[in-house]
PDB file of N, CA and C in Angstrom:
ATOM      1  N   MET A   1      81.462 209.677  93.829  1.00  0.00           N
ATOM      2  CA  MET A   1      80.940 208.973  92.687  1.00  0.00           C
ATOM      3  C   MET A   1      81.308 207.508  92.718  1.00  0.00           C
ATOM      4  N   CYS A   2      80.407 206.662  92.301  1.00  0.00           N
ATOM      5  CA  CYS A   2      80.683 205.207  92.252  1.00  0.00           C
ATOM      6  C   CYS A   2      81.800 204.992  91.265  1.00  0.00           C
ATOM      7  N   ILE A   3      82.838 204.273  91.688  1.00  0.00           N
ATOM      8  CA  ILE A   3      83.989 204.065  90.821  1.00  0.00           C
ATOM      9  C   ILE A   3      83.781 202.970  89.781  1.00  0.00           C
ATOM     10  N   ASN A   4      82.627 202.296  89.825  1.00  0.00           N
ATOM     11  CA  ASN A   4      82.319 201.258  88.824  1.00  0.00           C
ATOM     12  C   ASN A   4      81.220 201.680  87.879  1.00  0.00           C
ATOM     13  N   TYR A   5      80.795 202.974  87.951  1.00  0.00           N
ATOM     14  CA  TYR A   5      79.760 203.474  87.077  1.00  0.00           C
ATOM     15  C   TYR A   5      80.401 204.112  85.853  1.00  0.00           C
ATOM     16  N   THR A   6      79.922 203.741  84.679  1.00  0.00           N
ATOM     17  CA  THR A   6      80.399 204.381  83.457  1.00  0.00           C
ATOM     18  C   THR A   6      79.336 204.337  82.394  1.00  0.00           C
ATOM     19  N   GLU A   7      78.940 205.492  81.901  1.00  0.00           N
ATOM     20  CA  GLU A   7      77.964 205.636  80.839  1.00  0.00           C
ATOM     21  C   GLU A   7      76.683 204.847  81.072  1.00  0.00           C
ATOM     22  N   GLY A   8      76.142 204.996  82.284  1.00  0.00           N
ATOM     23  CA  GLY A   8      74.866 204.330  82.634  1.00  0.00           C
ATOM     24  C   GLY A   8      74.962 202.857  82.992  1.00  0.00           C
ATOM     25  N   LYS A   9      76.180 202.335  82.970  1.00  0.00           N
ATOM     26  CA  LYS A   9      76.372 200.894  83.241  1.00  0.00           C
ATOM     27  C   LYS A   9      77.215 200.677  84.490  1.00  0.00           C
ATOM     28  N   CYS A  10      77.010 199.536  85.107  1.00  0.00           N
ATOM     29  CA  CYS A  10      77.821 199.084  86.198  1.00  0.00           C
ATOM     30  C   CYS A  10      78.829 198.097  85.619  1.00  0.00           C
ATOM     31  N   ILE A  11      80.100 198.391  85.691  1.00  0.00           N
ATOM     32  CA  ILE A  11      81.084 197.484  85.105  1.00  0.00           C
ATOM     33  C   ILE A  11      81.189 196.179  85.854  1.00  0.00           C
ATOM     34  N   VAL A  12      80.683 196.149  87.097  1.00  0.00           N
ATOM     35  CA  VAL A  12      80.721 194.924  87.907  1.00  0.00           C
ATOM     36  C   VAL A  12      79.729 193.923  87.328  1.00  0.00           C
ATOM     37  N   GLU A  13      78.522 194.354  87.087  1.00  0.00           N
ATOM     38  CA  GLU A  13      77.474 193.461  86.587  1.00  0.00           C
ATOM     39  C   GLU A  13      77.409 193.456  85.078  1.00  0.00           C
ATOM     40  N   GLU A  14      78.101 194.385  84.442  1.00  0.00           N
ATOM     41  CA  GLU A  14      78.074 194.524  82.999  1.00  0.00           C
ATOM     42  C   GLU A  14      76.669 194.707  82.461  1.00  0.00           C
ATOM     43  N   ARG A  15      75.853 195.477  83.186  1.00  0.00           N
ATOM     44  CA  ARG A  15      74.521 195.828  82.739  1.00  0.00           C
ATOM     45  C   ARG A  15      74.154 197.172  83.383  1.00  0.00           C
ATOM     46  N   ALA A  16      72.915 197.615  83.167  1.00  0.00           N
ATOM     47  CA  ALA A  16      72.490 198.901  83.660  1.00  0.00           C
ATOM     48  C   ALA A  16      72.720 199.014  85.159  1.00  0.00           C
ATOM     49  N   CYS A  17      73.137 200.198  85.575  1.00  0.00           N
ATOM     50  CA  CYS A  17      73.374 200.476  86.999  1.00  0.00           C
ATOM     51  C   CYS A  17      72.093 200.235  87.790  1.00  0.00           C
ATOM     52  N   LYS A  18      72.198 199.593  88.945  1.00  0.00           N
ATOM     53  CA  LYS A  18      71.036 199.318  89.788  1.00  0.00           C
ATOM     54  C   LYS A  18      70.355 200.598  90.227  1.00  0.00           C
ATOM     55  N   LYS A  19      71.084 201.691  90.352  1.00  0.00           N
ATOM     56  CA  LYS A  19      70.564 202.959  90.846  1.00  0.00           C
ATOM     57  C   LYS A  19      70.197 203.909  89.703  1.00  0.00           C
ATOM     58  N   GLY A  20      70.282 203.446  88.460  1.00  0.00           N
ATOM     59  CA  GLY A  20      69.906 204.279  87.319  1.00  0.00           C
ATOM     60  C   GLY A  20      70.862 205.437  87.174  1.00  0.00           C
ATOM     61  N   GLU A  21      70.323 206.564  86.703  1.00  0.00           N
ATOM     62  CA  GLU A  21      71.129 207.765  86.511  1.00  0.00           C
ATOM     63  C   GLU A  21      71.732 208.303  87.796  1.00  0.00           C
ATOM     64  N   ALA A  22      71.103 208.006  88.937  1.00  0.00           N
ATOM     65  CA  ALA A  22      71.600 208.457  90.217  1.00  0.00           C
ATOM     66  C   ALA A  22      72.935 207.779  90.539  1.00  0.00           C
ATOM     67  N   GLY A  23      73.230 206.664  89.899  1.00  0.00           N
ATOM     68  CA  GLY A  23      74.480 205.931  90.125  1.00  0.00           C
ATOM     69  C   GLY A  23      75.734 206.738  89.863  1.00  0.00           C
ATOM     70  N   LYS A  24      75.682 207.680  88.926  1.00  0.00           N
ATOM     71  CA  LYS A  24      76.896 208.420  88.600  1.00  0.00           C
ATOM     72  C   LYS A  24      77.311 209.339  89.741  1.00  0.00           C
ATOM     73  N   ASP A  25      76.364 209.749  90.591  1.00  0.00           N
ATOM     74  CA  ASP A  25      76.690 210.598  91.718  1.00  0.00           C
ATOM     75  C   ASP A  25      76.640 209.901  93.067  1.00  0.00           C
ATOM     76  N   LEU A  26      76.470 208.572  93.040  1.00  0.00           N
ATOM     77  CA  LEU A  26      76.320 207.773  94.224  1.00  0.00           C
ATOM     78  C   LEU A  26      77.652 207.629  94.969  1.00  0.00           C
ATOM     79  N   ALA A  27      77.651 207.909  96.275  1.00  0.00           N
ATOM     80  CA  ALA A  27      78.868 207.748  97.060  1.00  0.00           C
ATOM     81  C   ALA A  27      79.194 206.267  97.196  1.00  0.00           C
ATOM     82  N   GLN A  28      80.502 205.961  97.345  1.00  0.00           N
ATOM     83  CA  GLN A  28      80.886 204.574  97.589  1.00  0.00           C
ATOM     84  C   GLN A  28      80.184 204.099  98.861  1.00  0.00           C
ATOM     85  N   GLY A  29      79.556 202.944  98.797  1.00  0.00           N
ATOM     86  CA  GLY A  29      78.817 202.406  99.929  1.00  0.00           C
ATOM     87  C   GLY A  29      77.325 202.618  99.748  1.00  0.00           C
ATOM     88  N   GLY A  30      76.917 203.330  98.738  1.00  0.00           N
ATOM     89  CA  GLY A  30      75.521 203.611  98.482  1.00  0.00           C
ATOM     90  C   GLY A  30      74.790 202.521  97.691  1.00  0.00           C
ATOM     91  N   CYS A  31      75.505 201.454  97.344  1.00  0.00           N
ATOM     92  CA  CYS A  31      74.911 200.358  96.569  1.00  0.00           C
ATOM     93  C   CYS A  31      75.297 199.070  97.273  1.00  0.00           C
ATOM     94  N   ASP A  32      74.376 198.092  97.211  1.00  0.00           N
ATOM     95  CA  ASP A  32      74.653 196.819  97.905  1.00  0.00           C
ATOM     96  C   ASP A  32      75.831 196.030  97.312  1.00  0.00           C
ATOM     97  N   LEU A  33      76.330 196.434  96.167  1.00  0.00           N
ATOM     98  CA  LEU A  33      77.503 195.774  95.579  1.00  0.00           C
ATOM     99  C   LEU A  33      78.807 196.304  96.206  1.00  0.00           C
ATOM    100  N   HIS A  34      78.752 197.491  96.779  1.00  0.00           N
ATOM    101  CA  HIS A  34      79.981 198.123  97.294  1.00  0.00           C
ATOM    102  C   HIS A  34      80.543 197.400  98.487  1.00  0.00           C
ATOM    103  N   GLY A  35      81.877 197.436  98.583  1.00  0.00           N
ATOM    104  CA  GLY A  35      82.592 196.798  99.693  1.00  0.00           C
ATOM    105  C   GLY A  35      84.060 197.206  99.640  1.00  0.00           C
ATOM    106  N   GLU A  36      84.937 196.376 100.173  1.00  0.00           N
ATOM    107  CA  GLU A  36      86.346 196.723 100.268  1.00  0.00           C
ATOM    108  C   GLU A  36      87.276 195.979  99.317  1.00  0.00           C
ATOM    109  N   PHE A  37      86.746 195.207  98.392  1.00  0.00           N
ATOM    110  CA  PHE A  37      87.586 194.366  97.553  1.00  0.00           C
ATOM    111  C   PHE A  37      87.702 194.925  96.140  1.00  0.00           C
ATOM    112  N   ASP A  38      88.869 194.708  95.531  1.00  0.00           N
ATOM    113  CA  ASP A  38      89.168 195.098  94.146  1.00  0.00           C
ATOM    114  C   ASP A  38      89.482 193.840  93.339  1.00  0.00           C
ATOM    115  N   LEU A  39      89.274 193.926  92.033  1.00  0.00           N
ATOM    116  CA  LEU A  39      89.563 192.800  91.134  1.00  0.00           C
ATOM    117  C   LEU A  39      90.448 193.331  90.028  1.00  0.00           C
ATOM    118  N   TRP A  40      91.559 192.590  89.773  1.00  0.00           N
ATOM    119  CA  TRP A  40      92.540 192.977  88.766  1.00  0.00           C
ATOM    120  C   TRP A  40      92.855 191.801  87.876  1.00  0.00           C
ATOM    121  N   SER A  41      93.250 192.125  86.661  1.00  0.00           N
ATOM    122  CA  SER A  41      93.785 191.123  85.734  1.00  0.00           C
ATOM    123  C   SER A  41      95.235 191.441  85.545  1.00  0.00           C
ATOM    124  N   ALA A  42      96.116 190.484  85.944  1.00  0.00           N
ATOM    125  CA  ALA A  42      97.554 190.727  85.898  1.00  0.00           C
ATOM    126  C   ALA A  42      98.359 189.468  85.688  1.00  0.00           C
ATOM    127  N   ASP A  43      99.299 189.507  84.801  1.00  0.00           N
ATOM    128  CA  ASP A  43     100.261 188.407  84.605  1.00  0.00           C
ATOM    129  C   ASP A  43      99.624 187.033  84.481  1.00  0.00           C
ATOM    130  N   GLY A  44      98.565 186.910  83.676  1.00  0.00           N
ATOM    131  CA  GLY A  44      97.957 185.629  83.442  1.00  0.00           C
ATOM    132  C   GLY A  44      97.144 185.090  84.603  1.00  0.00           C
ATOM    133  N   LYS A  45      96.623 185.986  85.451  1.00  0.00           N
ATOM    134  CA  LYS A  45      95.783 185.553  86.554  1.00  0.00           C
ATOM    135  C   LYS A  45      94.788 186.664  86.904  1.00  0.00           C
ATOM    136  N   ILE A  46      93.792 186.306  87.679  1.00  0.00           N
ATOM    137  CA  ILE A  46      92.815 187.254  88.194  1.00  0.00           C
ATOM    138  C   ILE A  46      93.170 187.400  89.676  1.00  0.00           C
ATOM    139  N   VAL A  47      93.286 188.676  90.149  1.00  0.00           N
ATOM    140  CA  VAL A  47      93.667 188.936  91.507  1.00  0.00           C
ATOM    141  C   VAL A  47      92.552 189.639  92.265  1.00  0.00           C
ATOM    142  N   VAL A  48      92.179 189.045  93.398  1.00  0.00           N
ATOM    143  CA  VAL A  48      91.216 189.649  94.331  1.00  0.00           C
ATOM    144  C   VAL A  48      92.015 190.179  95.513  1.00  0.00           C
ATOM    145  N   THR A  49      91.826 191.456  95.826  1.00  0.00           N
ATOM    146  CA  THR A  49      92.593 192.064  96.884  1.00  0.00           C
ATOM    147  C   THR A  49      91.791 193.081  97.690  1.00  0.00           C
ATOM    148  N   ASN A  50      92.158 193.271  98.932  1.00  0.00           N
ATOM    149  CA  ASN A  50      91.590 194.329  99.760  1.00  0.00           C
ATOM    150  C   ASN A  50      92.731 195.142 100.395  1.00  0.00           C
ATOM    151  N   THR A  51      93.887 195.154  99.740  1.00  0.00           N
ATOM    152  CA  THR A  51      95.030 195.867 100.291  1.00  0.00           C
ATOM    153  C   THR A  51      95.131 197.301  99.779  1.00  0.00           C
ATOM    154  N   GLY A  52      94.333 197.636  98.735  1.00  0.00           N
ATOM    155  CA  GLY A  52      94.388 198.967  98.169  1.00  0.00           C
ATOM    156  C   GLY A  52      95.473 199.135  97.126  1.00  0.00           C
ATOM    157  N   ALA A  53      96.344 198.170  97.029  1.00  0.00           N
ATOM    158  CA  ALA A  53      97.430 198.214  96.033  1.00  0.00           C
ATOM    159  C   ALA A  53      96.987 197.509  94.759  1.00  0.00           C
ATOM    160  N   GLY A  54      96.976 198.223  93.669  1.00  0.00           N
ATOM    161  CA  GLY A  54      96.549 197.614  92.418  1.00  0.00           C
ATOM    162  C   GLY A  54      97.712 197.045  91.640  1.00  0.00           C
ATOM    163  N   GLN A  55      97.372 196.133  90.787  1.00  0.00           N
ATOM    164  CA  GLN A  55      98.412 195.544  89.906  1.00  0.00           C
ATOM    165  C   GLN A  55      97.699 195.104  88.619  1.00  0.00           C
ATOM    166  N   GLY A  56      98.249 195.462  87.483  1.00  0.00           N
ATOM    167  CA  GLY A  56      97.660 195.108  86.209  1.00  0.00           C
ATOM    168  C   GLY A  56      96.477 195.987  85.848  1.00  0.00           C
ATOM    169  N   LYS A  57      95.484 195.371  85.165  1.00  0.00           N
ATOM    170  CA  LYS A  57      94.337 196.092  84.679  1.00  0.00           C
ATOM    171  C   LYS A  57      93.178 195.957  85.678  1.00  0.00           C
ATOM    172  N   PRO A  58      92.588 197.093  86.148  1.00  0.00           N
ATOM    173  CA  PRO A  58      91.478 196.979  87.078  1.00  0.00           C
ATOM    174  C   PRO A  58      90.247 196.508  86.392  1.00  0.00           C
ATOM    175  N   LEU A  59      89.551 195.542  87.005  1.00  0.00           N
ATOM    176  CA  LEU A  59      88.293 195.008  86.475  1.00  0.00           C
ATOM    177  C   LEU A  59      87.085 195.494  87.270  1.00  0.00           C
ATOM    178  N   ALA A  60      87.256 195.696  88.556  1.00  0.00           N
ATOM    179  CA  ALA A  60      86.201 196.224  89.441  1.00  0.00           C
ATOM    180  C   ALA A  60      86.880 196.735  90.722  1.00  0.00           C
ATOM    181  N   ARG A  61      86.339 197.779  91.299  1.00  0.00           N
ATOM    182  CA  ARG A  61      86.928 198.368  92.497  1.00  0.00           C
ATOM    183  C   ARG A  61      85.860 198.552  93.564  1.00  0.00           C
ATOM    184  N   GLY A  62      86.242 198.359  94.817  1.00  0.00           N
ATOM    185  CA  GLY A  62      85.349 198.625  95.940  1.00  0.00           C
ATOM    186  C   GLY A  62      84.054 197.827  95.957  1.00  0.00           C
ATOM    187  N   ILE A  63      84.181 196.488  95.848  1.00  0.00           N
ATOM    188  CA  ILE A  63      83.045 195.587  95.772  1.00  0.00           C
ATOM    189  C   ILE A  63      83.029 194.649  96.956  1.00  0.00           C
ATOM    190  N   ASN A  64      81.844 194.160  97.345  1.00  0.00           N
ATOM    191  CA  ASN A  64      81.761 193.227  98.465  1.00  0.00           C
ATOM    192  C   ASN A  64      82.359 191.874  98.072  1.00  0.00           C
ATOM    193  N   PHE A  65      82.740 191.103  99.084  1.00  0.00           N
ATOM    194  CA  PHE A  65      83.477 189.863  98.824  1.00  0.00           C
ATOM    195  C   PHE A  65      82.656 188.814  98.015  1.00  0.00           C
ATOM    196  N   LEU A  66      81.403 188.632  98.350  1.00  0.00           N
ATOM    197  CA  LEU A  66      80.645 187.597  97.639  1.00  0.00           C
ATOM    198  C   LEU A  66      80.554 187.925  96.140  1.00  0.00           C
ATOM    199  N   THR A  67      80.323 189.190  95.810  1.00  0.00           N
ATOM    200  CA  THR A  67      80.214 189.588  94.422  1.00  0.00           C
ATOM    201  C   THR A  67      81.551 189.474  93.714  1.00  0.00           C
ATOM    202  N   ILE A  68      82.608 189.964  94.341  1.00  0.00           N
ATOM    203  CA  ILE A  68      83.923 189.943  93.702  1.00  0.00           C
ATOM    204  C   ILE A  68      84.429 188.498  93.535  1.00  0.00           C
ATOM    205  N   ASP A  69      84.128 187.608  94.478  1.00  0.00           N
ATOM    206  CA  ASP A  69      84.532 186.231  94.395  1.00  0.00           C
ATOM    207  C   ASP A  69      83.808 185.521  93.220  1.00  0.00           C
ATOM    208  N   GLU A  70      82.525 185.824  93.063  1.00  0.00           N
ATOM    209  CA  GLU A  70      81.743 185.244  91.945  1.00  0.00           C
ATOM    210  C   GLU A  70      82.284 185.734  90.591  1.00  0.00           C
ATOM    211  N   ILE A  71      82.550 187.021  90.497  1.00  0.00           N
ATOM    212  CA  ILE A  71      83.093 187.574  89.259  1.00  0.00           C
ATOM    213  C   ILE A  71      84.461 186.988  88.950  1.00  0.00           C
ATOM    214  N   ALA A  72      85.308 186.870  89.956  1.00  0.00           N
ATOM    215  CA  ALA A  72      86.634 186.307  89.781  1.00  0.00           C
ATOM    216  C   ALA A  72      86.566 184.867  89.273  1.00  0.00           C
ATOM    217  N   TYR A  73      85.679 184.088  89.871  1.00  0.00           N
ATOM    218  CA  TYR A  73      85.479 182.700  89.463  1.00  0.00           C
ATOM    219  C   TYR A  73      85.058 182.618  87.999  1.00  0.00           C
ATOM    220  N   LYS A  74      84.049 183.411  87.621  1.00  0.00           N
ATOM    221  CA  LYS A  74      83.537 183.385  86.257  1.00  0.00           C
ATOM    222  C   LYS A  74      84.609 183.791  85.234  1.00  0.00           C
ATOM    223  N   ARG A  75      85.357 184.868  85.565  1.00  0.00           N
ATOM    224  CA  ARG A  75      86.376 185.330  84.636  1.00  0.00           C
ATOM    225  C   ARG A  75      87.533 184.342  84.518  1.00  0.00           C
ATOM    226  N   SER A  76      87.905 183.714  85.633  1.00  0.00           N
ATOM    227  CA  SER A  76      89.005 182.733  85.583  1.00  0.00           C
ATOM    228  C   SER A  76      88.611 181.521  84.773  1.00  0.00           C
ATOM    229  N   ARG A  77      87.345 181.112  84.895  1.00  0.00           N
ATOM    230  CA  ARG A  77      86.867 179.957  84.080  1.00  0.00           C
ATOM    231  C   ARG A  77      86.865 180.307  82.594  1.00  0.00           C
ATOM    232  N   ARG A  78      86.335 181.527  82.284  1.00  0.00           N
ATOM    233  CA  ARG A  78      86.251 181.941  80.916  1.00  0.00           C
ATOM    234  C   ARG A  78      87.640 182.137  80.268  1.00  0.00           C
ATOM    235  N   LEU A  79      88.555 182.713  81.018  1.00  0.00           N
ATOM    236  CA  LEU A  79      89.916 182.990  80.499  1.00  0.00           C
ATOM    237  C   LEU A  79      90.888 181.858  80.718  1.00  0.00           C
ATOM    238  N   LYS A  80      90.443 180.844  81.537  1.00  0.00           N
ATOM    239  CA  LYS A  80      91.301 179.704  81.852  1.00  0.00           C
ATOM    240  C   LYS A  80      92.598 180.129  82.514  1.00  0.00           C
ATOM    241  N   VAL A  81      92.438 181.001  83.534  1.00  0.00           N
ATOM    242  CA  VAL A  81      93.551 181.468  84.355  1.00  0.00           C
ATOM    243  C   VAL A  81      93.187 181.301  85.817  1.00  0.00           C
ATOM    244  N   PRO A  82      94.177 181.220  86.707  1.00  0.00           N
ATOM    245  CA  PRO A  82      93.886 181.052  88.121  1.00  0.00           C
ATOM    246  C   PRO A  82      93.453 182.348  88.794  1.00  0.00           C
ATOM    247  N   VAL A  83      92.820 182.206  89.965  1.00  0.00           N
ATOM    248  CA  VAL A  83      92.491 183.338  90.793  1.00  0.00           C
ATOM    249  C   VAL A  83      93.466 183.362  91.976  1.00  0.00           C
ATOM    250  N   GLU A  84      93.997 184.534  92.270  1.00  0.00           N
ATOM    251  CA  GLU A  84      94.904 184.708  93.429  1.00  0.00           C
ATOM    252  C   GLU A  84      94.263 185.668  94.374  1.00  0.00           C
ATOM    253  N   TYR A  85      94.308 185.392  95.665  1.00  0.00           N
ATOM    254  CA  TYR A  85      93.754 186.246  96.682  1.00  0.00           C
ATOM    255  C   TYR A  85      94.901 186.892  97.459  1.00  0.00           C
ATOM    256  N   VAL A  86      94.968 188.222  97.424  1.00  0.00           N
ATOM    257  CA  VAL A  86      95.990 188.975  98.143  1.00  0.00           C
ATOM    258  C   VAL A  86      95.227 189.829  99.166  1.00  0.00           C
ATOM    259  N   LEU A  87      95.159 189.342 100.423  1.00  0.00           N
ATOM    260  CA  LEU A  87      94.365 189.940 101.420  1.00  0.00           C
ATOM    261  C   LEU A  87      95.153 190.465 102.630  1.00  0.00           C
ATOM    262  N   LYS A  88      94.629 191.528 103.241  1.00  0.00           N
ATOM    263  CA  LYS A  88      95.241 192.067 104.444  1.00  0.00           C
ATOM    264  C   LYS A  88      95.155 191.053 105.569  1.00  0.00           C
ATOM    265  N   GLU A  89      96.200 191.042 106.358  1.00  0.00           N
ATOM    266  CA  GLU A  89      96.137 190.195 107.565  1.00  0.00           C
ATOM    267  C   GLU A  89      95.333 190.920 108.611  1.00  0.00           C
ATOM    268  N   LYS A  90      94.575 190.168 109.408  1.00  0.00           N
ATOM    269  CA  LYS A  90      93.737 190.798 110.425  1.00  0.00           C
ATOM    270  C   LYS A  90      94.501 191.027 111.694  1.00  0.00           C
TER     271      LYS A  90
END
């Protein structure tokens, strides 16, 4: 099941799921928004991570980098908090 699907909505885009009702049973990777990055709100900042370790309140999980970066930027501007990137080393 898509981990960002709830009650017909995509919490990433905050609107109707792109896949409609099928979204609730959609495997991770079945939507073009899916990827390896998570977004968290923690300690007065927005955290983008691909380490799998969460911290604070989850805002979105398993999203591609371009989408998660855009969401992080918008939320940080709205909340007036910084964005921190906690990424795996290659």
